[in-house]
Amino acid sequence: MRMTVISLASISLLAACNGIQLNSSILGGQGAPAAAEPQDPVLQPAPGVDVAEADPAAPSFRGSATTVASLGDPSLPGLWMETPLVAAEQQALVRSSRNTQVVLTLKPIPGAETGGSRLSIGAMRALGLPLTELVEVQVLPAG
């Protein structure tokens, strides 16, 4: 008798699941519409903000420097560091205090060269750094 009750309970629970379609778009089944291709986010300046184009003749980063970095925008993919150390985008080698290193793209931001920098989440992970702390990194030419 006990097995009959358990069997009937199981069957009634399964019958209640009839409304779930395994091919629904929620579960990513065959009936799901094709997903749109992901697009890289394009940031637009706020209205009324003047945007200066980077000067291609601007000097590139030379030598080495140390900067304090925090986590940048985690929605932007790639290996990059936004820093006031450069006037134009360029490649550089970044070394952490844990002696891990990664080649990434330096992106210019306004501010004094002594100002802080922002690392991408991919760069923080590649360097093995904690995402919630300020970290000191050394920036070297990527050559």
C-alpha atoms as a PDB file:
ATOM      1  CA  MET A   1       0.000   0.000   0.000  1.00  0.00           C
ATOM      2  CA  ARG A   2       2.802   2.352   0.910  1.00  0.00           C
ATOM      3  CA  MET A   3       4.490   1.834  -2.503  1.00  0.00           C
ATOM      4  CA  THR A   4       1.196   2.556  -4.250  1.00  0.00           C
ATOM      5  CA  VAL A   5       0.819   5.893  -2.447  1.00  0.00           C
ATOM      6  CA  ILE A   6       4.422   6.879  -3.266  1.00  0.00           C
ATOM      7  CA  SER A   7       3.941   5.887  -6.898  1.00  0.00           C
ATOM      8  CA  LEU A   8       0.682   7.840  -7.202  1.00  0.00           C
ATOM      9  CA  ALA A   9       2.276  10.892  -5.552  1.00  0.00           C
ATOM     10  CA  SER A  10       5.189  10.762  -7.990  1.00  0.00           C
ATOM     11  CA  ILE A  11       2.864  10.447 -10.977  1.00  0.00           C
ATOM     12  CA  SER A  12       0.731  13.370  -9.835  1.00  0.00           C
ATOM     13  CA  LEU A  13       3.825  15.543  -9.396  1.00  0.00           C
ATOM     14  CA  LEU A  14       5.013  14.665 -12.875  1.00  0.00           C
ATOM     15  CA  ALA A  15       1.573  15.389 -14.300  1.00  0.00           C
ATOM     16  CA  ALA A  16       1.702  18.853 -12.762  1.00  0.00           C
ATOM     17  CA  CYS A  17       4.893  19.524 -14.738  1.00  0.00           C
ATOM     18  CA  ASN A  18       3.000  19.235 -18.025  1.00  0.00           C
ATOM     19  CA  GLY A  19       3.032  23.046 -18.398  1.00  0.00           C
ATOM     20  CA  ILE A  20       6.835  23.106 -18.670  1.00  0.00           C
ATOM     21  CA  GLN A  21       7.978  22.733 -22.255  1.00  0.00           C
ATOM     22  CA  LEU A  22      11.472  21.396 -22.565  1.00  0.00           C
ATOM     23  CA  ASN A  23      11.911  23.137 -25.883  1.00  0.00           C
ATOM     24  CA  SER A  24      10.965  26.558 -24.493  1.00  0.00           C
ATOM     25  CA  SER A  25      13.217  29.524 -24.974  1.00  0.00           C
ATOM     26  CA  ILE A  26      13.745  29.707 -21.204  1.00  0.00           C
ATOM     27  CA  LEU A  27      15.497  26.342 -21.207  1.00  0.00           C
ATOM     28  CA  GLY A  28      17.316  27.006 -24.507  1.00  0.00           C
ATOM     29  CA  GLY A  29      15.532  24.195 -26.330  1.00  0.00           C
ATOM     30  CA  GLN A  30      14.848  23.769 -30.043  1.00  0.00           C
ATOM     31  CA  GLY A  31      11.920  26.172 -29.986  1.00  0.00           C
ATOM     32  CA  ALA A  32      14.137  28.962 -28.728  1.00  0.00           C
ATOM     33  CA  PRO A  33      14.737  31.909 -31.042  1.00  0.00           C
ATOM     34  CA  ALA A  34      18.313  32.362 -32.228  1.00  0.00           C
ATOM     35  CA  ALA A  35      20.297  34.471 -29.795  1.00  0.00           C
ATOM     36  CA  ALA A  36      21.530  37.804 -31.070  1.00  0.00           C
ATOM     37  CA  GLU A  37      25.271  38.117 -31.545  1.00  0.00           C
ATOM     38  CA  PRO A  38      26.873  39.789 -28.518  1.00  0.00           C
ATOM     39  CA  GLN A  39      28.216  43.209 -29.308  1.00  0.00           C
ATOM     40  CA  ASP A  40      31.095  45.047 -27.721  1.00  0.00           C
ATOM     41  CA  PRO A  41      29.765  47.898 -25.623  1.00  0.00           C
ATOM     42  CA  VAL A  42      30.426  51.326 -27.048  1.00  0.00           C
ATOM     43  CA  LEU A  43      30.525  54.080 -24.466  1.00  0.00           C
ATOM     44  CA  GLN A  44      29.251  57.439 -25.592  1.00  0.00           C
ATOM     45  CA  PRO A  45      30.255  60.660 -23.845  1.00  0.00           C
ATOM     46  CA  ALA A  46      27.645  62.396 -21.738  1.00  0.00           C
ATOM     47  CA  PRO A  47      25.855  65.319 -23.445  1.00  0.00           C
ATOM     48  CA  GLY A  48      27.834  68.525 -23.166  1.00  0.00           C
ATOM     49  CA  VAL A  49      31.189  66.787 -22.544  1.00  0.00           C
ATOM     50  CA  ASP A  50      33.970  67.683 -24.965  1.00  0.00           C
ATOM     51  CA  VAL A  51      35.941  64.691 -26.191  1.00  0.00           C
ATOM     52  CA  ALA A  52      39.504  65.154 -27.368  1.00  0.00           C
ATOM     53  CA  GLU A  53      40.943  62.628 -29.790  1.00  0.00           C
ATOM     54  CA  ALA A  54      44.245  61.060 -28.784  1.00  0.00           C
ATOM     55  CA  ASP A  55      47.206  62.563 -30.575  1.00  0.00           C
ATOM     56  CA  PRO A  56      48.878  59.796 -32.625  1.00  0.00           C
ATOM     57  CA  ALA A  57      52.180  61.663 -32.277  1.00  0.00           C
ATOM     58  CA  ALA A  58      51.878  61.646 -28.474  1.00  0.00           C
ATOM     59  CA  PRO A  59      54.839  60.043 -26.766  1.00  0.00           C
ATOM     60  CA  SER A  60      54.313  56.452 -25.687  1.00  0.00           C
ATOM     61  CA  PHE A  61      55.060  55.085 -22.249  1.00  0.00           C
ATOM     62  CA  ARG A  62      58.752  54.471 -21.700  1.00  0.00           C
ATOM     63  CA  GLY A  63      60.676  53.145 -18.727  1.00  0.00           C
ATOM     64  CA  SER A  64      58.765  51.766 -15.793  1.00  0.00           C
ATOM     65  CA  ALA A  65      56.324  53.125 -13.264  1.00  0.00           C
ATOM     66  CA  THR A  66      54.401  51.909 -10.270  1.00  0.00           C
ATOM     67  CA  THR A  67      50.724  52.670  -9.833  1.00  0.00           C
ATOM     68  CA  VAL A  68      47.927  51.720  -7.485  1.00  0.00           C
ATOM     69  CA  ALA A  69      45.088  50.003  -9.300  1.00  0.00           C
ATOM     70  CA  SER A  70      41.545  48.968  -8.511  1.00  0.00           C
ATOM     71  CA  LEU A  71      38.982  46.983 -10.455  1.00  0.00           C
ATOM     72  CA  GLY A  72      37.714  48.778 -13.555  1.00  0.00           C
ATOM     73  CA  ASP A  73      34.355  48.289 -15.286  1.00  0.00           C
ATOM     74  CA  PRO A  74      33.759  44.508 -15.079  1.00  0.00           C
ATOM     75  CA  SER A  75      31.371  44.604 -18.047  1.00  0.00           C
ATOM     76  CA  LEU A  76      34.186  45.538 -20.447  1.00  0.00           C
ATOM     77  CA  PRO A  77      36.019  42.436 -21.705  1.00  0.00           C
ATOM     78  CA  GLY A  78      39.705  42.044 -22.400  1.00  0.00           C
ATOM     79  CA  LEU A  79      43.040  42.650 -20.752  1.00  0.00           C
ATOM     80  CA  TRP A  80      43.441  46.383 -20.202  1.00  0.00           C
ATOM     81  CA  MET A  81      44.386  49.022 -17.661  1.00  0.00           C
ATOM     82  CA  GLU A  82      43.008  52.550 -17.680  1.00  0.00           C
ATOM     83  CA  THR A  83      45.781  54.804 -16.446  1.00  0.00           C
ATOM     84  CA  PRO A  84      46.940  58.440 -16.555  1.00  0.00           C
ATOM     85  CA  LEU A  85      50.465  57.178 -17.337  1.00  0.00           C
ATOM     86  CA  VAL A  86      49.818  57.190 -21.116  1.00  0.00           C
ATOM     87  CA  ALA A  87      48.452  59.644 -23.664  1.00  0.00           C
ATOM     88  CA  ALA A  88      47.466  56.988 -26.245  1.00  0.00           C
ATOM     89  CA  GLU A  89      46.585  53.294 -26.192  1.00  0.00           C
ATOM     90  CA  GLN A  90      49.573  50.959 -26.231  1.00  0.00           C
ATOM     91  CA  GLN A  91      50.715  47.536 -25.082  1.00  0.00           C
ATOM     92  CA  ALA A  92      52.603  47.122 -21.793  1.00  0.00           C
ATOM     93  CA  LEU A  93      53.744  44.452 -19.395  1.00  0.00           C
ATOM     94  CA  VAL A  94      52.198  44.749 -15.930  1.00  0.00           C
ATOM     95  CA  ARG A  95      53.788  42.962 -12.969  1.00  0.00           C
ATOM     96  CA  SER A  96      52.077  42.511  -9.619  1.00  0.00           C
ATOM     97  CA  SER A  97      53.617  42.428  -6.143  1.00  0.00           C
ATOM     98  CA  ARG A  98      53.044  38.623  -6.301  1.00  0.00           C
ATOM     99  CA  ASN A  99      55.525  38.573  -9.219  1.00  0.00           C
ATOM    100  CA  THR A 100      52.843  37.552 -11.735  1.00  0.00           C
ATOM    101  CA  GLN A 101      52.759  39.431 -15.002  1.00  0.00           C
ATOM    102  CA  VAL A 102      50.539  39.934 -18.041  1.00  0.00           C
ATOM    103  CA  VAL A 103      50.766  41.896 -21.288  1.00  0.00           C
ATOM    104  CA  LEU A 104      47.767  44.186 -21.657  1.00  0.00           C
ATOM    105  CA  THR A 105      46.544  47.358 -23.331  1.00  0.00           C
ATOM    106  CA  LEU A 106      47.089  50.634 -21.500  1.00  0.00           C
ATOM    107  CA  LYS A 107      44.209  53.051 -22.080  1.00  0.00           C
ATOM    108  CA  PRO A 108      44.592  56.739 -21.280  1.00  0.00           C
ATOM    109  CA  ILE A 109      42.409  58.468 -18.695  1.00  0.00           C
ATOM    110  CA  PRO A 110      42.652  62.068 -17.527  1.00  0.00           C
ATOM    111  CA  GLY A 111      44.507  62.862 -14.344  1.00  0.00           C
ATOM    112  CA  ALA A 112      47.923  63.300 -12.827  1.00  0.00           C
ATOM    113  CA  GLU A 113      50.495  60.559 -13.448  1.00  0.00           C
ATOM    114  CA  THR A 114      50.424  59.930  -9.703  1.00  0.00           C
ATOM    115  CA  GLY A 115      46.702  59.166  -9.898  1.00  0.00           C
ATOM    116  CA  GLY A 116      45.342  55.657  -9.610  1.00  0.00           C
ATOM    117  CA  SER A 117      44.599  53.206 -12.397  1.00  0.00           C
ATOM    118  CA  ARG A 118      41.818  50.715 -13.130  1.00  0.00           C
ATOM    119  CA  LEU A 119      42.439  47.107 -14.215  1.00  0.00           C
ATOM    120  CA  SER A 120      40.025  44.951 -16.174  1.00  0.00           C
ATOM    121  CA  ILE A 121      38.575  41.941 -14.387  1.00  0.00           C
ATOM    122  CA  GLY A 122      40.434  39.704 -16.849  1.00  0.00           C
ATOM    123  CA  ALA A 123      43.750  41.364 -15.968  1.00  0.00           C
ATOM    124  CA  MET A 124      43.049  41.109 -12.233  1.00  0.00           C
ATOM    125  CA  ARG A 125      42.346  37.396 -12.621  1.00  0.00           C
ATOM    126  CA  ALA A 126      45.398  36.837 -14.855  1.00  0.00           C
ATOM    127  CA  LEU A 127      47.580  38.499 -12.227  1.00  0.00           C
ATOM    128  CA  GLY A 128      45.913  36.518  -9.409  1.00  0.00           C
ATOM    129  CA  LEU A 129      44.921  39.691  -7.574  1.00  0.00           C
ATOM    130  CA  PRO A 130      41.955  40.146  -5.225  1.00  0.00           C
ATOM    131  CA  LEU A 131      39.081  41.937  -6.961  1.00  0.00           C
ATOM    132  CA  THR A 132      38.020  43.936  -3.909  1.00  0.00           C
ATOM    133  CA  GLU A 133      41.325  45.539  -2.900  1.00  0.00           C
ATOM    134  CA  LEU A 134      43.624  48.272  -4.133  1.00  0.00           C
ATOM    135  CA  VAL A 135      46.798  46.718  -5.505  1.00  0.00           C
ATOM    136  CA  GLU A 136      50.184  48.049  -6.499  1.00  0.00           C
ATOM    137  CA  VAL A 137      51.425  47.081  -9.970  1.00  0.00           C
ATOM    138  CA  GLN A 138      54.559  47.871 -11.935  1.00  0.00           C
ATOM    139  CA  VAL A 139      54.124  48.925 -15.574  1.00  0.00           C
ATOM    140  CA  LEU A 140      56.907  48.116 -18.054  1.00  0.00           C
ATOM    141  CA  PRO A 141      57.192  48.509 -21.837  1.00  0.00           C
ATOM    142  CA  ALA A 142      55.917  45.431 -23.678  1.00  0.00           C
ATOM    143  CA  GLY A 143      58.878  45.069 -25.955  1.00  0.00           C
END
